[in-house]
Amino acid sequence: SEVRLLADSKSLLTSSNDGAVSLWSLESVRADDSLTPERKMTSKVHGGSGIFSMDIYEQNCAATATAAKDGSIMVSSFASSDYNVTWQRNDAHAGVAKSVRW
């Protein structure tokens, strides 16, 4: 599981043990209150297999790489309301994939 602040400093991208990646807007949250960030989208990219690692690439596009408990790795593109798997390898590892980086 990971939490990443995006380059715009207005959004968070999170991954979790349920295999989901979520994009959150921080625009309505201030340090002096307890407003919950607005969830913009959630995608169960790893279908229930927990995500152990996530990395973000934000140069010419917005993309993530994720690695999961079932050994799968995926590269996905994301926007404010879409999350699309662009490449995946379900048999990348015989065991848990604990780290992924660009």
PDB file of N, CA and C in Angstrom:
ATOM      1  N   SER A   1       0.836  -1.185   0.000  1.00  0.00           N
ATOM      2  CA  SER A   1       0.000   0.000   0.000  1.00  0.00           C
ATOM      3  C   SER A   1       0.880   1.247   0.000  1.00  0.00           C
ATOM      4  N   GLU A   2       0.451   2.233  -0.745  1.00  0.00           N
ATOM      5  CA  GLU A   2       1.230   3.473  -0.844  1.00  0.00           C
ATOM      6  C   GLU A   2       0.297   4.672  -0.959  1.00  0.00           C
ATOM      7  N   VAL A   3       0.819   5.833  -0.586  1.00  0.00           N
ATOM      8  CA  VAL A   3       0.137   7.115  -0.757  1.00  0.00           C
ATOM      9  C   VAL A   3       1.127   8.050  -1.426  1.00  0.00           C
ATOM     10  N   ARG A   4       0.721   8.675  -2.544  1.00  0.00           N
ATOM     11  CA  ARG A   4       1.614   9.586  -3.268  1.00  0.00           C
ATOM     12  C   ARG A   4       0.920  10.906  -3.550  1.00  0.00           C
ATOM     13  N   LEU A   5       1.603  12.005  -3.258  1.00  0.00           N
ATOM     14  CA  LEU A   5       1.141  13.337  -3.620  1.00  0.00           C
ATOM     15  C   LEU A   5       1.551  13.581  -5.067  1.00  0.00           C
ATOM     16  N   LEU A   6       0.605  13.971  -5.904  1.00  0.00           N
ATOM     17  CA  LEU A   6       0.916  14.217  -7.310  1.00  0.00           C
ATOM     18  C   LEU A   6       1.578  15.576  -7.480  1.00  0.00           C
ATOM     19  N   ALA A   7       2.190  15.781  -8.633  1.00  0.00           N
ATOM     20  CA  ALA A   7       2.970  16.992  -8.898  1.00  0.00           C
ATOM     21  C   ALA A   7       2.149  18.275  -8.775  1.00  0.00           C
ATOM     22  N   ASP A   8       0.846  18.201  -9.017  1.00  0.00           N
ATOM     23  CA  ASP A   8       0.013  19.405  -8.906  1.00  0.00           C
ATOM     24  C   ASP A   8      -0.242  19.813  -7.456  1.00  0.00           C
ATOM     25  N   SER A   9       0.149  18.975  -6.505  1.00  0.00           N
ATOM     26  CA  SER A   9      -0.047  19.191  -5.056  1.00  0.00           C
ATOM     27  C   SER A   9      -1.514  19.347  -4.672  1.00  0.00           C
ATOM     28  N   LYS A  10      -2.414  18.979  -5.566  1.00  0.00           N
ATOM     29  CA  LYS A  10      -3.847  19.064  -5.300  1.00  0.00           C
ATOM     30  C   LYS A  10      -4.510  17.697  -5.291  1.00  0.00           C
ATOM     31  N   SER A  11      -3.711  16.644  -5.520  1.00  0.00           N
ATOM     32  CA  SER A  11      -4.269  15.301  -5.630  1.00  0.00           C
ATOM     33  C   SER A  11      -3.371  14.282  -4.949  1.00  0.00           C
ATOM     34  N   LEU A  12      -4.016  13.239  -4.424  1.00  0.00           N
ATOM     35  CA  LEU A  12      -3.309  12.084  -3.866  1.00  0.00           C
ATOM     36  C   LEU A  12      -3.696  10.861  -4.666  1.00  0.00           C
ATOM     37  N   LEU A  13      -2.758   9.952  -4.837  1.00  0.00           N
ATOM     38  CA  LEU A  13      -3.047   8.659  -5.428  1.00  0.00           C
ATOM     39  C   LEU A  13      -2.703   7.624  -4.368  1.00  0.00           C
ATOM     40  N   THR A  14      -3.641   6.727  -4.070  1.00  0.00           N
ATOM     41  CA  THR A  14      -3.413   5.711  -3.045  1.00  0.00           C
ATOM     42  C   THR A  14      -3.597   4.324  -3.637  1.00  0.00           C
ATOM     43  N   SER A  15      -2.870   3.362  -3.089  1.00  0.00           N
ATOM     44  CA  SER A  15      -3.080   1.954  -3.430  1.00  0.00           C
ATOM     45  C   SER A  15      -3.280   1.208  -2.123  1.00  0.00           C
ATOM     46  N   SER A  16      -3.963   0.059  -2.186  1.00  0.00           N
ATOM     47  CA  SER A  16      -4.327  -0.604  -0.939  1.00  0.00           C
ATOM     48  C   SER A  16      -4.308  -2.123  -1.031  1.00  0.00           C
ATOM     49  N   ASN A  17      -4.534  -2.740   0.122  1.00  0.00           N
ATOM     50  CA  ASN A  17      -4.496  -4.191   0.246  1.00  0.00           C
ATOM     51  C   ASN A  17      -5.685  -4.878  -0.429  1.00  0.00           C
ATOM     52  N   ASP A  18      -6.696  -4.125  -0.837  1.00  0.00           N
ATOM     53  CA  ASP A  18      -7.827  -4.733  -1.544  1.00  0.00           C
ATOM     54  C   ASP A  18      -7.628  -4.725  -3.064  1.00  0.00           C
ATOM     55  N   GLY A  19      -6.448  -4.305  -3.536  1.00  0.00           N
ATOM     56  CA  GLY A  19      -6.140  -4.292  -4.961  1.00  0.00           C
ATOM     57  C   GLY A  19      -6.620  -3.058  -5.692  1.00  0.00           C
ATOM     58  N   ALA A  20      -7.048  -2.041  -4.952  1.00  0.00           N
ATOM     59  CA  ALA A  20      -7.598  -0.834  -5.573  1.00  0.00           C
ATOM     60  C   ALA A  20      -6.596   0.314  -5.582  1.00  0.00           C
ATOM     61  N   VAL A  21      -6.741   1.159  -6.597  1.00  0.00           N
ATOM     62  CA  VAL A  21      -6.018   2.427  -6.683  1.00  0.00           C
ATOM     63  C   VAL A  21      -7.085   3.519  -6.690  1.00  0.00           C
ATOM     64  N   SER A  22      -6.898   4.554  -5.860  1.00  0.00           N
ATOM     65  CA  SER A  22      -7.870   5.654  -5.786  1.00  0.00           C
ATOM     66  C   SER A  22      -7.173   6.990  -5.991  1.00  0.00           C
ATOM     67  N   LEU A  23      -7.875   7.904  -6.651  1.00  0.00           N
ATOM     68  CA  LEU A  23      -7.410   9.273  -6.850  1.00  0.00           C
ATOM     69  C   LEU A  23      -8.281  10.185  -5.998  1.00  0.00           C
ATOM     70  N   TRP A  24      -7.643  11.034  -5.178  1.00  0.00           N
ATOM     71  CA  TRP A  24      -8.330  11.918  -4.244  1.00  0.00           C
ATOM     72  C   TRP A  24      -8.003  13.371  -4.553  1.00  0.00           C
ATOM     73  N   SER A  25      -9.003  14.243  -4.465  1.00  0.00           N
ATOM     74  CA  SER A  25      -8.797  15.681  -4.626  1.00  0.00           C
ATOM     75  C   SER A  25      -8.596  16.310  -3.256  1.00  0.00           C
ATOM     76  N   LEU A  26      -7.560  17.135  -3.139  1.00  0.00           N
ATOM     77  CA  LEU A  26      -7.274  17.836  -1.888  1.00  0.00           C
ATOM     78  C   LEU A  26      -7.732  19.289  -1.928  1.00  0.00           C
ATOM     79  N   GLU A  27      -8.383  19.692  -2.996  1.00  0.00           N
ATOM     80  CA  GLU A  27      -8.738  21.104  -3.182  1.00  0.00           C
ATOM     81  C   GLU A  27      -9.687  21.640  -2.113  1.00  0.00           C
ATOM     82  N   SER A  28     -10.534  20.799  -1.541  1.00  0.00           N
ATOM     83  CA  SER A  28     -11.479  21.276  -0.530  1.00  0.00           C
ATOM     84  C   SER A  28     -10.963  21.092   0.895  1.00  0.00           C
ATOM     85  N   VAL A  29      -9.764  20.560   1.049  1.00  0.00           N
ATOM     86  CA  VAL A  29      -9.211  20.279   2.378  1.00  0.00           C
ATOM     87  C   VAL A  29      -8.232  21.378   2.777  1.00  0.00           C
ATOM     88  N   ARG A  30      -8.391  21.874   4.002  1.00  0.00           N
ATOM     89  CA  ARG A  30      -7.466  22.868   4.550  1.00  0.00           C
ATOM     90  C   ARG A  30      -6.863  22.295   5.821  1.00  0.00           C
ATOM     91  N   ALA A  31      -5.719  22.780   6.213  1.00  0.00           N
ATOM     92  CA  ALA A  31      -5.022  22.280   7.399  1.00  0.00           C
ATOM     93  C   ALA A  31      -5.788  22.549   8.688  1.00  0.00           C
ATOM     94  N   ASP A  32      -6.653  23.547   8.708  1.00  0.00           N
ATOM     95  CA  ASP A  32      -7.346  23.912   9.943  1.00  0.00           C
ATOM     96  C   ASP A  32      -8.709  23.243  10.122  1.00  0.00           C
ATOM     97  N   ASP A  33      -9.073  22.312   9.247  1.00  0.00           N
ATOM     98  CA  ASP A  33     -10.337  21.599   9.439  1.00  0.00           C
ATOM     99  C   ASP A  33     -10.164  20.111   9.174  1.00  0.00           C
ATOM    100  N   SER A  34     -11.236  19.390   9.311  1.00  0.00           N
ATOM    101  CA  SER A  34     -11.141  17.937   9.178  1.00  0.00           C
ATOM    102  C   SER A  34     -11.955  17.405   8.004  1.00  0.00           C
ATOM    103  N   LEU A  35     -12.083  18.189   6.939  1.00  0.00           N
ATOM    104  CA  LEU A  35     -12.803  17.724   5.760  1.00  0.00           C
ATOM    105  C   LEU A  35     -12.083  16.541   5.131  1.00  0.00           C
ATOM    106  N   THR A  36     -12.839  15.582   4.704  1.00  0.00           N
ATOM    107  CA  THR A  36     -12.282  14.409   4.045  1.00  0.00           C
ATOM    108  C   THR A  36     -12.031  14.737   2.576  1.00  0.00           C
ATOM    109  N   PRO A  37     -10.902  14.302   2.023  1.00  0.00           N
ATOM    110  CA  PRO A  37     -10.657  14.527   0.591  1.00  0.00           C
ATOM    111  C   PRO A  37     -11.764  13.890  -0.254  1.00  0.00           C
ATOM    112  N   GLU A  38     -12.037  14.483  -1.400  1.00  0.00           N
ATOM    113  CA  GLU A  38     -13.041  13.940  -2.310  1.00  0.00           C
ATOM    114  C   GLU A  38     -12.407  12.857  -3.177  1.00  0.00           C
ATOM    115  N   ARG A  39     -13.028  11.670  -3.197  1.00  0.00           N
ATOM    116  CA  ARG A  39     -12.530  10.580  -4.037  1.00  0.00           C
ATOM    117  C   ARG A  39     -13.009  10.817  -5.465  1.00  0.00           C
ATOM    118  N   LYS A  40     -12.059  10.966  -6.410  1.00  0.00           N
ATOM    119  CA  LYS A  40     -12.380  11.214  -7.815  1.00  0.00           C
ATOM    120  C   LYS A  40     -12.630   9.924  -8.585  1.00  0.00           C
ATOM    121  N   MET A  41     -11.884   8.874  -8.249  1.00  0.00           N
ATOM    122  CA  MET A  41     -12.080   7.590  -8.913  1.00  0.00           C
ATOM    123  C   MET A  41     -11.398   6.498  -8.108  1.00  0.00           C
ATOM    124  N   THR A  42     -11.891   5.270  -8.292  1.00  0.00           N
ATOM    125  CA  THR A  42     -11.277   4.072  -7.717  1.00  0.00           C
ATOM    126  C   THR A  42     -11.331   2.986  -8.772  1.00  0.00           C
ATOM    127  N   SER A  43     -10.255   2.233  -8.892  1.00  0.00           N
ATOM    128  CA  SER A  43     -10.202   1.126  -9.836  1.00  0.00           C
ATOM    129  C   SER A  43      -9.562  -0.075  -9.158  1.00  0.00           C
ATOM    130  N   LYS A  44     -10.234  -1.226  -9.234  1.00  0.00           N
ATOM    131  CA  LYS A  44      -9.692  -2.464  -8.661  1.00  0.00           C
ATOM    132  C   LYS A  44      -8.781  -3.113  -9.705  1.00  0.00           C
ATOM    133  N   VAL A  45      -7.601  -2.558  -9.875  1.00  0.00           N
ATOM    134  CA  VAL A  45      -6.707  -3.015 -10.937  1.00  0.00           C
ATOM    135  C   VAL A  45      -6.164  -4.412 -10.703  1.00  0.00           C
ATOM    136  N   HIS A  46      -5.946  -4.781  -9.465  1.00  0.00           N
ATOM    137  CA  HIS A  46      -5.397  -6.107  -9.188  1.00  0.00           C
ATOM    138  C   HIS A  46      -6.462  -7.076  -8.688  1.00  0.00           C
ATOM    139  N   GLY A  47      -7.721  -6.769  -8.899  1.00  0.00           N
ATOM    140  CA  GLY A  47      -8.818  -7.681  -8.633  1.00  0.00           C
ATOM    141  C   GLY A  47      -8.848  -8.315  -7.254  1.00  0.00           C
ATOM    142  N   GLY A  48      -8.505  -7.595  -6.240  1.00  0.00           N
ATOM    143  CA  GLY A  48      -8.562  -8.126  -4.885  1.00  0.00           C
ATOM    144  C   GLY A  48      -7.238  -8.584  -4.323  1.00  0.00           C
ATOM    145  N   SER A  49      -6.222  -8.715  -5.158  1.00  0.00           N
ATOM    146  CA  SER A  49      -4.893  -9.063  -4.653  1.00  0.00           C
ATOM    147  C   SER A  49      -4.220  -7.785  -4.167  1.00  0.00           C
ATOM    148  N   GLY A  50      -3.788  -7.769  -2.930  1.00  0.00           N
ATOM    149  CA  GLY A  50      -3.231  -6.568  -2.318  1.00  0.00           C
ATOM    150  C   GLY A  50      -2.060  -5.976  -3.077  1.00  0.00           C
ATOM    151  N   ILE A  51      -2.050  -4.668  -3.203  1.00  0.00           N
ATOM    152  CA  ILE A  51      -0.956  -3.956  -3.863  1.00  0.00           C
ATOM    153  C   ILE A  51       0.121  -3.664  -2.832  1.00  0.00           C
ATOM    154  N   PHE A  52       1.316  -4.172  -3.066  1.00  0.00           N
ATOM    155  CA  PHE A  52       2.441  -3.957  -2.156  1.00  0.00           C
ATOM    156  C   PHE A  52       3.245  -2.720  -2.515  1.00  0.00           C
ATOM    157  N   SER A  53       3.249  -2.331  -3.797  1.00  0.00           N
ATOM    158  CA  SER A  53       4.096  -1.221  -4.222  1.00  0.00           C
ATOM    159  C   SER A  53       3.451  -0.481  -5.384  1.00  0.00           C
ATOM    160  N   MET A  54       3.674   0.839  -5.415  1.00  0.00           N
ATOM    161  CA  MET A  54       3.172   1.671  -6.505  1.00  0.00           C
ATOM    162  C   MET A  54       4.182   2.785  -6.750  1.00  0.00           C
ATOM    163  N   ASP A  55       4.426   3.084  -8.013  1.00  0.00           N
ATOM    164  CA  ASP A  55       5.271   4.215  -8.361  1.00  0.00           C
ATOM    165  C   ASP A  55       4.541   5.030  -9.420  1.00  0.00           C
ATOM    166  N   ILE A  56       4.820   6.321  -9.462  1.00  0.00           N
ATOM    167  CA  ILE A  56       4.134   7.237 -10.372  1.00  0.00           C
ATOM    168  C   ILE A  56       5.129   7.846 -11.353  1.00  0.00           C
ATOM    169  N   TYR A  57       4.695   7.967 -12.604  1.00  0.00           N
ATOM    170  CA  TYR A  57       5.466   8.636 -13.648  1.00  0.00           C
ATOM    171  C   TYR A  57       4.617   9.797 -14.140  1.00  0.00           C
ATOM    172  N   GLU A  58       5.111  11.026 -14.039  1.00  0.00           N
ATOM    173  CA  GLU A  58       4.316  12.197 -14.428  1.00  0.00           C
ATOM    174  C   GLU A  58       5.025  13.106 -15.428  1.00  0.00           C
ATOM    175  N   GLN A  59       5.903  12.595 -16.252  1.00  0.00           N
ATOM    176  CA  GLN A  59       6.616  13.451 -17.198  1.00  0.00           C
ATOM    177  C   GLN A  59       5.700  13.913 -18.332  1.00  0.00           C
ATOM    178  N   ASN A  60       5.470  13.073 -19.326  1.00  0.00           N
ATOM    179  CA  ASN A  60       4.628  13.436 -20.467  1.00  0.00           C
ATOM    180  C   ASN A  60       3.218  12.880 -20.348  1.00  0.00           C
ATOM    181  N   CYS A  61       3.016  12.032 -19.369  1.00  0.00           N
ATOM    182  CA  CYS A  61       1.714  11.426 -19.143  1.00  0.00           C
ATOM    183  C   CYS A  61       1.607  11.112 -17.654  1.00  0.00           C
ATOM    184  N   ALA A  62       0.436  10.746 -17.223  1.00  0.00           N
ATOM    185  CA  ALA A  62       0.250  10.335 -15.832  1.00  0.00           C
ATOM    186  C   ALA A  62       0.075   8.823 -15.833  1.00  0.00           C
ATOM    187  N   ALA A  63       1.020   8.118 -15.238  1.00  0.00           N
ATOM    188  CA  ALA A  63       0.977   6.663 -15.245  1.00  0.00           C
ATOM    189  C   ALA A  63       1.462   6.113 -13.914  1.00  0.00           C
ATOM    190  N   THR A  64       1.015   4.904 -13.608  1.00  0.00           N
ATOM    191  CA  THR A  64       1.479   4.210 -12.412  1.00  0.00           C
ATOM    192  C   THR A  64       1.992   2.836 -12.787  1.00  0.00           C
ATOM    193  N   ALA A  65       2.888   2.343 -11.969  1.00  0.00           N
ATOM    194  CA  ALA A  65       3.299   0.947 -12.018  1.00  0.00           C
ATOM    195  C   ALA A  65       2.929   0.376 -10.657  1.00  0.00           C
ATOM    196  N   THR A  66       2.287  -0.799 -10.635  1.00  0.00           N
ATOM    197  CA  THR A  66       1.893  -1.427  -9.381  1.00  0.00           C
ATOM    198  C   THR A  66       2.365  -2.872  -9.350  1.00  0.00           C
ATOM    199  N   ALA A  67       2.656  -3.353  -8.141  1.00  0.00           N
ATOM    200  CA  ALA A  67       3.064  -4.741  -7.922  1.00  0.00           C
ATOM    201  C   ALA A  67       2.199  -5.313  -6.810  1.00  0.00           C
ATOM    202  N   ALA A  68       1.774  -6.576  -6.959  1.00  0.00           N
ATOM    203  CA  ALA A  68       0.793  -7.136  -6.033  1.00  0.00           C
ATOM    204  C   ALA A  68       1.226  -8.450  -5.389  1.00  0.00           C
ATOM    205  N   LYS A  69       0.427  -8.851  -4.391  1.00  0.00           N
ATOM    206  CA  LYS A  69       0.661 -10.088  -3.636  1.00  0.00           C
ATOM    207  C   LYS A  69       0.687 -11.324  -4.525  1.00  0.00           C
ATOM    208  N   ASP A  70      -0.126 -11.314  -5.585  1.00  0.00           N
ATOM    209  CA  ASP A  70      -0.205 -12.490  -6.452  1.00  0.00           C
ATOM    210  C   ASP A  70       0.938 -12.567  -7.462  1.00  0.00           C
ATOM    211  N   GLY A  71       1.911 -11.643  -7.380  1.00  0.00           N
ATOM    212  CA  GLY A  71       3.061 -11.639  -8.273  1.00  0.00           C
ATOM    213  C   GLY A  71       2.855 -10.854  -9.548  1.00  0.00           C
ATOM    214  N   SER A  72       1.677 -10.296  -9.749  1.00  0.00           N
ATOM    215  CA  SER A  72       1.401  -9.538 -10.973  1.00  0.00           C
ATOM    216  C   SER A  72       1.960  -8.123 -10.880  1.00  0.00           C
ATOM    217  N   ILE A  73       2.290  -7.576 -12.052  1.00  0.00           N
ATOM    218  CA  ILE A  73       2.697  -6.177 -12.156  1.00  0.00           C
ATOM    219  C   ILE A  73       1.879  -5.533 -13.278  1.00  0.00           C
ATOM    220  N   MET A  74       1.553  -4.247 -13.102  1.00  0.00           N
ATOM    221  CA  MET A  74       0.739  -3.542 -14.091  1.00  0.00           C
ATOM    222  C   MET A  74       1.237  -2.126 -14.282  1.00  0.00           C
ATOM    223  N   VAL A  75       1.080  -1.626 -15.498  1.00  0.00           N
ATOM    224  CA  VAL A  75       1.305  -0.221 -15.813  1.00  0.00           C
ATOM    225  C   VAL A  75      -0.047   0.322 -16.263  1.00  0.00           C
ATOM    226  N   SER A  76      -0.441   1.444 -15.688  1.00  0.00           N
ATOM    227  CA  SER A  76      -1.751   2.029 -15.974  1.00  0.00           C
ATOM    228  C   SER A  76      -1.616   3.525 -16.192  1.00  0.00           C
ATOM    229  N   SER A  77      -2.518   4.075 -16.998  1.00  0.00           N
ATOM    230  CA  SER A  77      -2.580   5.527 -17.172  1.00  0.00           C
ATOM    231  C   SER A  77      -3.777   6.036 -16.378  1.00  0.00           C
ATOM    232  N   PHE A  78      -3.677   7.276 -15.902  1.00  0.00           N
ATOM    233  CA  PHE A  78      -4.799   7.812 -15.142  1.00  0.00           C
ATOM    234  C   PHE A  78      -5.029   9.281 -15.457  1.00  0.00           C
ATOM    235  N   ALA A  79      -6.282   9.690 -15.283  1.00  0.00           N
ATOM    236  CA  ALA A  79      -6.708  11.084 -15.415  1.00  0.00           C
ATOM    237  C   ALA A  79      -7.668  11.344 -14.264  1.00  0.00           C
ATOM    238  N   SER A  80      -8.333  12.470 -14.293  1.00  0.00           N
ATOM    239  CA  SER A  80      -9.179  12.851 -13.159  1.00  0.00           C
ATOM    240  C   SER A  80     -10.287  11.852 -12.850  1.00  0.00           C
ATOM    241  N   SER A  81     -10.781  11.129 -13.841  1.00  0.00           N
ATOM    242  CA  SER A  81     -11.853  10.170 -13.565  1.00  0.00           C
ATOM    243  C   SER A  81     -11.646   8.815 -14.227  1.00  0.00           C
ATOM    244  N   ASP A  82     -10.528   8.607 -14.893  1.00  0.00           N
ATOM    245  CA  ASP A  82     -10.259   7.343 -15.583  1.00  0.00           C
ATOM    246  C   ASP A  82      -8.968   6.716 -15.091  1.00  0.00           C
ATOM    247  N   TYR A  83      -8.958   5.390 -15.054  1.00  0.00           N
ATOM    248  CA  TYR A  83      -7.755   4.635 -14.718  1.00  0.00           C
ATOM    249  C   TYR A  83      -7.756   3.419 -15.625  1.00  0.00           C
ATOM    250  N   ASN A  84      -6.808   3.340 -16.549  1.00  0.00           N
ATOM    251  CA  ASN A  84      -6.800   2.283 -17.556  1.00  0.00           C
ATOM    252  C   ASN A  84      -5.502   1.502 -17.522  1.00  0.00           C
ATOM    253  N   VAL A  85      -5.621   0.190 -17.417  1.00  0.00           N
ATOM    254  CA  VAL A  85      -4.448  -0.675 -17.467  1.00  0.00           C
ATOM    255  C   VAL A  85      -3.946  -0.692 -18.901  1.00  0.00           C
ATOM    256  N   THR A  86      -2.679  -0.327 -19.111  1.00  0.00           N
ATOM    257  CA  THR A  86      -2.109  -0.298 -20.456  1.00  0.00           C
ATOM    258  C   THR A  86      -1.174  -1.477 -20.707  1.00  0.00           C
ATOM    259  N   TRP A  87      -0.691  -2.099 -19.635  1.00  0.00           N
ATOM    260  CA  TRP A  87       0.188  -3.262 -19.756  1.00  0.00           C
ATOM    261  C   TRP A  87       0.104  -4.049 -18.462  1.00  0.00           C
ATOM    262  N   GLN A  88       0.039  -5.376 -18.567  1.00  0.00           N
ATOM    263  CA  GLN A  88       0.046  -6.190 -17.355  1.00  0.00           C
ATOM    264  C   GLN A  88       0.740  -7.512 -17.592  1.00  0.00           C
ATOM    265  N   ARG A  89       1.290  -8.025 -16.532  1.00  0.00           N
ATOM    266  CA  ARG A  89       1.945  -9.333 -16.572  1.00  0.00           C
ATOM    267  C   ARG A  89       1.510 -10.085 -15.323  1.00  0.00           C
ATOM    268  N   ASN A  90       0.596 -11.034 -15.480  1.00  0.00           N
ATOM    269  CA  ASN A  90       0.065 -11.764 -14.335  1.00  0.00           C
ATOM    270  C   ASN A  90       1.008 -12.838 -13.821  1.00  0.00           C
ATOM    271  N   ASP A  91       1.920 -13.281 -14.664  1.00  0.00           N
ATOM    272  CA  ASP A  91       2.859 -14.333 -14.252  1.00  0.00           C
ATOM    273  C   ASP A  91       4.278 -13.780 -14.117  1.00  0.00           C
ATOM    274  N   ALA A  92       4.394 -12.528 -13.728  1.00  0.00           N
ATOM    275  CA  ALA A  92       5.706 -11.882 -13.638  1.00  0.00           C
ATOM    276  C   ALA A  92       6.591 -12.532 -12.584  1.00  0.00           C
ATOM    277  N   HIS A  93       5.990 -12.979 -11.489  1.00  0.00           N
ATOM    278  CA  HIS A  93       6.747 -13.593 -10.395  1.00  0.00           C
ATOM    279  C   HIS A  93       5.966 -14.780  -9.848  1.00  0.00           C
ATOM    280  N   ALA A  94       6.684 -15.791  -9.378  1.00  0.00           N
ATOM    281  CA  ALA A  94       6.040 -16.962  -8.792  1.00  0.00           C
ATOM    282  C   ALA A  94       5.467 -16.644  -7.412  1.00  0.00           C
ATOM    283  N   GLY A  95       6.017 -15.624  -6.758  1.00  0.00           N
ATOM    284  CA  GLY A  95       5.542 -15.227  -5.433  1.00  0.00           C
ATOM    285  C   GLY A  95       5.162 -13.765  -5.418  1.00  0.00           C
ATOM    286  N   VAL A  96       5.149 -13.208  -4.239  1.00  0.00           N
ATOM    287  CA  VAL A  96       4.762 -11.812  -4.033  1.00  0.00           C
ATOM    288  C   VAL A  96       5.724 -10.857  -4.747  1.00  0.00           C
ATOM    289  N   ALA A  97       5.178  -9.861  -5.433  1.00  0.00           N
ATOM    290  CA  ALA A  97       5.983  -8.779  -6.016  1.00  0.00           C
ATOM    291  C   ALA A  97       5.934  -7.624  -5.020  1.00  0.00           C
ATOM    292  N   LYS A  98       7.037  -7.378  -4.314  1.00  0.00           N
ATOM    293  CA  LYS A  98       7.025  -6.407  -3.219  1.00  0.00           C
ATOM    294  C   LYS A  98       7.477  -5.008  -3.599  1.00  0.00           C
ATOM    295  N   SER A  99       8.034  -4.830  -4.794  1.00  0.00           N
ATOM    296  CA  SER A  99       8.497  -3.494  -5.156  1.00  0.00           C
ATOM    297  C   SER A  99       8.452  -3.308  -6.666  1.00  0.00           C
ATOM    298  N   VAL A 100       8.134  -2.078  -7.070  1.00  0.00           N
ATOM    299  CA  VAL A 100       8.157  -1.712  -8.480  1.00  0.00           C
ATOM    300  C   VAL A 100       8.574  -0.244  -8.563  1.00  0.00           C
ATOM    301  N   ARG A 101       9.439   0.078  -9.518  1.00  0.00           N
ATOM    302  CA  ARG A 101       9.907   1.455  -9.723  1.00  0.00           C
ATOM    303  C   ARG A 101      10.130   1.686 -11.214  1.00  0.00           C
ATOM    304  N   TRP A 102      10.018   2.930 -11.640  1.00  0.00           N
ATOM    305  CA  TRP A 102      10.301   3.285 -13.024  1.00  0.00           C
ATOM    306  C   TRP A 102      11.782   3.222 -13.245  1.00  0.00           C
TER     307      TRP A 102
END
